[in-house]
Amino acid sequence: MLTIAASARKRPVNLTLNETLVAQAKTYTSNLSATMELLLTEFVASQQQAQSSHRQLADTCAADWNAVHAAVGSFADEHSTL
């Protein structure tokens, strides 16, 4: 999981959010910035995990294909025009 240092530098950013949604969210939290930062941290972590899983799947697929090629060869080898 992504970890963010509590002392990490913070800066103001501009966001365009649905006014009604913000008003509703403020009924559930007294610190909207902290809540949004937590949700954004979770989103980034899930995206990083998805990207890592996709990369691992691609690496596994390539390794499997290379093993098949090493064992059987390529169909195209028999039809080379060189």
C-alpha atoms as a PDB file:
ATOM      1  CA  MET A   1       0.000   0.000   0.000  1.00  0.00           C
ATOM      2  CA  LEU A   2       1.082   3.540  -0.694  1.00  0.00           C
ATOM      3  CA  THR A   3       2.403   5.359   2.335  1.00  0.00           C
ATOM      4  CA  ILE A   4       2.508   9.111   2.622  1.00  0.00           C
ATOM      5  CA  ALA A   5       4.649  10.788   5.273  1.00  0.00           C
ATOM      6  CA  ALA A   6       2.568  12.777   7.736  1.00  0.00           C
ATOM      7  CA  SER A   7       5.056  15.614   7.433  1.00  0.00           C
ATOM      8  CA  ALA A   8       4.925  15.660   3.631  1.00  0.00           C
ATOM      9  CA  ARG A   9       4.742  19.136   2.169  1.00  0.00           C
ATOM     10  CA  LYS A  10       1.203  20.211   1.335  1.00  0.00           C
ATOM     11  CA  ARG A  11       0.037  22.868  -1.045  1.00  0.00           C
ATOM     12  CA  PRO A  12      -3.337  24.273  -2.017  1.00  0.00           C
ATOM     13  CA  VAL A  13      -4.880  22.982  -5.244  1.00  0.00           C
ATOM     14  CA  ASN A  14      -7.969  23.989  -7.153  1.00  0.00           C
ATOM     15  CA  LEU A  15     -10.640  21.352  -7.701  1.00  0.00           C
ATOM     16  CA  THR A  16     -13.988  21.650  -9.375  1.00  0.00           C
ATOM     17  CA  LEU A  17     -16.464  19.554  -7.402  1.00  0.00           C
ATOM     18  CA  ASN A  18     -20.221  19.192  -7.386  1.00  0.00           C
ATOM     19  CA  GLU A  19     -21.521  21.792  -4.925  1.00  0.00           C
ATOM     20  CA  THR A  20     -24.300  19.554  -3.587  1.00  0.00           C
ATOM     21  CA  LEU A  21     -21.921  16.659  -3.096  1.00  0.00           C
ATOM     22  CA  VAL A  22     -19.474  18.845  -1.170  1.00  0.00           C
ATOM     23  CA  ALA A  23     -22.280  20.101   1.087  1.00  0.00           C
ATOM     24  CA  GLN A  24     -23.364  16.508   1.764  1.00  0.00           C
ATOM     25  CA  ALA A  25     -19.778  15.402   2.439  1.00  0.00           C
ATOM     26  CA  LYS A  26     -19.310  18.200   4.956  1.00  0.00           C
ATOM     27  CA  THR A  27     -22.097  16.679   7.065  1.00  0.00           C
ATOM     28  CA  TYR A  28     -19.938  13.567   7.482  1.00  0.00           C
ATOM     29  CA  THR A  29     -16.512  15.115   7.992  1.00  0.00           C
ATOM     30  CA  SER A  30     -15.150  18.216   9.630  1.00  0.00           C
ATOM     31  CA  ASN A  31     -11.951  18.044   7.558  1.00  0.00           C
ATOM     32  CA  LEU A  32     -12.814  17.676   3.890  1.00  0.00           C
ATOM     33  CA  SER A  33      -9.182  18.090   2.819  1.00  0.00           C
ATOM     34  CA  ALA A  34      -8.000  15.190   4.984  1.00  0.00           C
ATOM     35  CA  THR A  35     -10.871  13.021   3.785  1.00  0.00           C
ATOM     36  CA  MET A  36     -10.087  13.772   0.140  1.00  0.00           C
ATOM     37  CA  GLU A  37      -6.393  13.122   0.734  1.00  0.00           C
ATOM     38  CA  LEU A  38      -7.199   9.735   2.280  1.00  0.00           C
ATOM     39  CA  LEU A  39      -9.491   8.798  -0.616  1.00  0.00           C
ATOM     40  CA  LEU A  40      -6.924   9.961  -3.165  1.00  0.00           C
ATOM     41  CA  THR A  41      -4.209   7.949  -1.420  1.00  0.00           C
ATOM     42  CA  GLU A  42      -6.392   4.832  -1.585  1.00  0.00           C
ATOM     43  CA  PHE A  43      -7.156   5.491  -5.269  1.00  0.00           C
ATOM     44  CA  VAL A  44      -3.469   5.885  -6.165  1.00  0.00           C
ATOM     45  CA  ALA A  45      -2.589   2.703  -4.262  1.00  0.00           C
ATOM     46  CA  SER A  46      -5.287   0.714  -6.065  1.00  0.00           C
ATOM     47  CA  GLN A  47      -4.140   2.028  -9.452  1.00  0.00           C
ATOM     48  CA  GLN A  48      -0.531   1.127  -8.661  1.00  0.00           C
ATOM     49  CA  GLN A  49      -1.634  -2.366  -7.615  1.00  0.00           C
ATOM     50  CA  ALA A  50      -3.635  -2.798 -10.823  1.00  0.00           C
ATOM     51  CA  GLN A  51      -0.672  -1.642 -12.920  1.00  0.00           C
ATOM     52  CA  SER A  52       1.656  -4.005 -11.061  1.00  0.00           C
ATOM     53  CA  SER A  53      -0.738  -6.925 -11.551  1.00  0.00           C
ATOM     54  CA  HIS A  54      -1.049  -6.158 -15.254  1.00  0.00           C
ATOM     55  CA  ARG A  55       2.739  -5.967 -15.615  1.00  0.00           C
ATOM     56  CA  GLN A  56       3.145  -9.275 -13.753  1.00  0.00           C
ATOM     57  CA  LEU A  57       0.535 -10.927 -15.986  1.00  0.00           C
ATOM     58  CA  ALA A  58       2.315  -9.665 -19.106  1.00  0.00           C
ATOM     59  CA  ASP A  59       5.676 -10.915 -17.795  1.00  0.00           C
ATOM     60  CA  THR A  60       4.178 -14.342 -17.050  1.00  0.00           C
ATOM     61  CA  CYS A  61       2.620 -14.508 -20.510  1.00  0.00           C
ATOM     62  CA  ALA A  62       5.925 -13.608 -22.174  1.00  0.00           C
ATOM     63  CA  ALA A  63       7.801 -16.192 -20.110  1.00  0.00           C
ATOM     64  CA  ASP A  64       5.247 -18.888 -21.023  1.00  0.00           C
ATOM     65  CA  TRP A  65       5.449 -17.991 -24.695  1.00  0.00           C
ATOM     66  CA  ASN A  66       9.258 -18.067 -24.584  1.00  0.00           C
ATOM     67  CA  ALA A  67       9.120 -21.531 -22.975  1.00  0.00           C
ATOM     68  CA  VAL A  68       6.798 -22.800 -25.737  1.00  0.00           C
ATOM     69  CA  HIS A  69       9.044 -21.294 -28.397  1.00  0.00           C
ATOM     70  CA  ALA A  70      12.137 -22.885 -26.833  1.00  0.00           C
ATOM     71  CA  ALA A  71      10.451 -26.299 -26.670  1.00  0.00           C
ATOM     72  CA  VAL A  72       8.601 -26.343 -29.991  1.00  0.00           C
ATOM     73  CA  GLY A  73      10.096 -23.591 -32.082  1.00  0.00           C
ATOM     74  CA  SER A  74       8.164 -21.283 -34.337  1.00  0.00           C
ATOM     75  CA  PHE A  75       5.779 -22.211 -37.136  1.00  0.00           C
ATOM     76  CA  ALA A  76       7.415 -19.520 -39.250  1.00  0.00           C
ATOM     77  CA  ASP A  77      10.837 -21.199 -39.008  1.00  0.00           C
ATOM     78  CA  GLU A  78       9.773 -23.744 -41.645  1.00  0.00           C
ATOM     79  CA  HIS A  79       8.680 -21.042 -44.056  1.00  0.00           C
ATOM     80  CA  SER A  80      11.589 -18.634 -43.981  1.00  0.00           C
ATOM     81  CA  THR A  81      12.380 -16.973 -47.313  1.00  0.00           C
ATOM     82  CA  LEU A  82      15.935 -16.132 -46.291  1.00  0.00           C
END
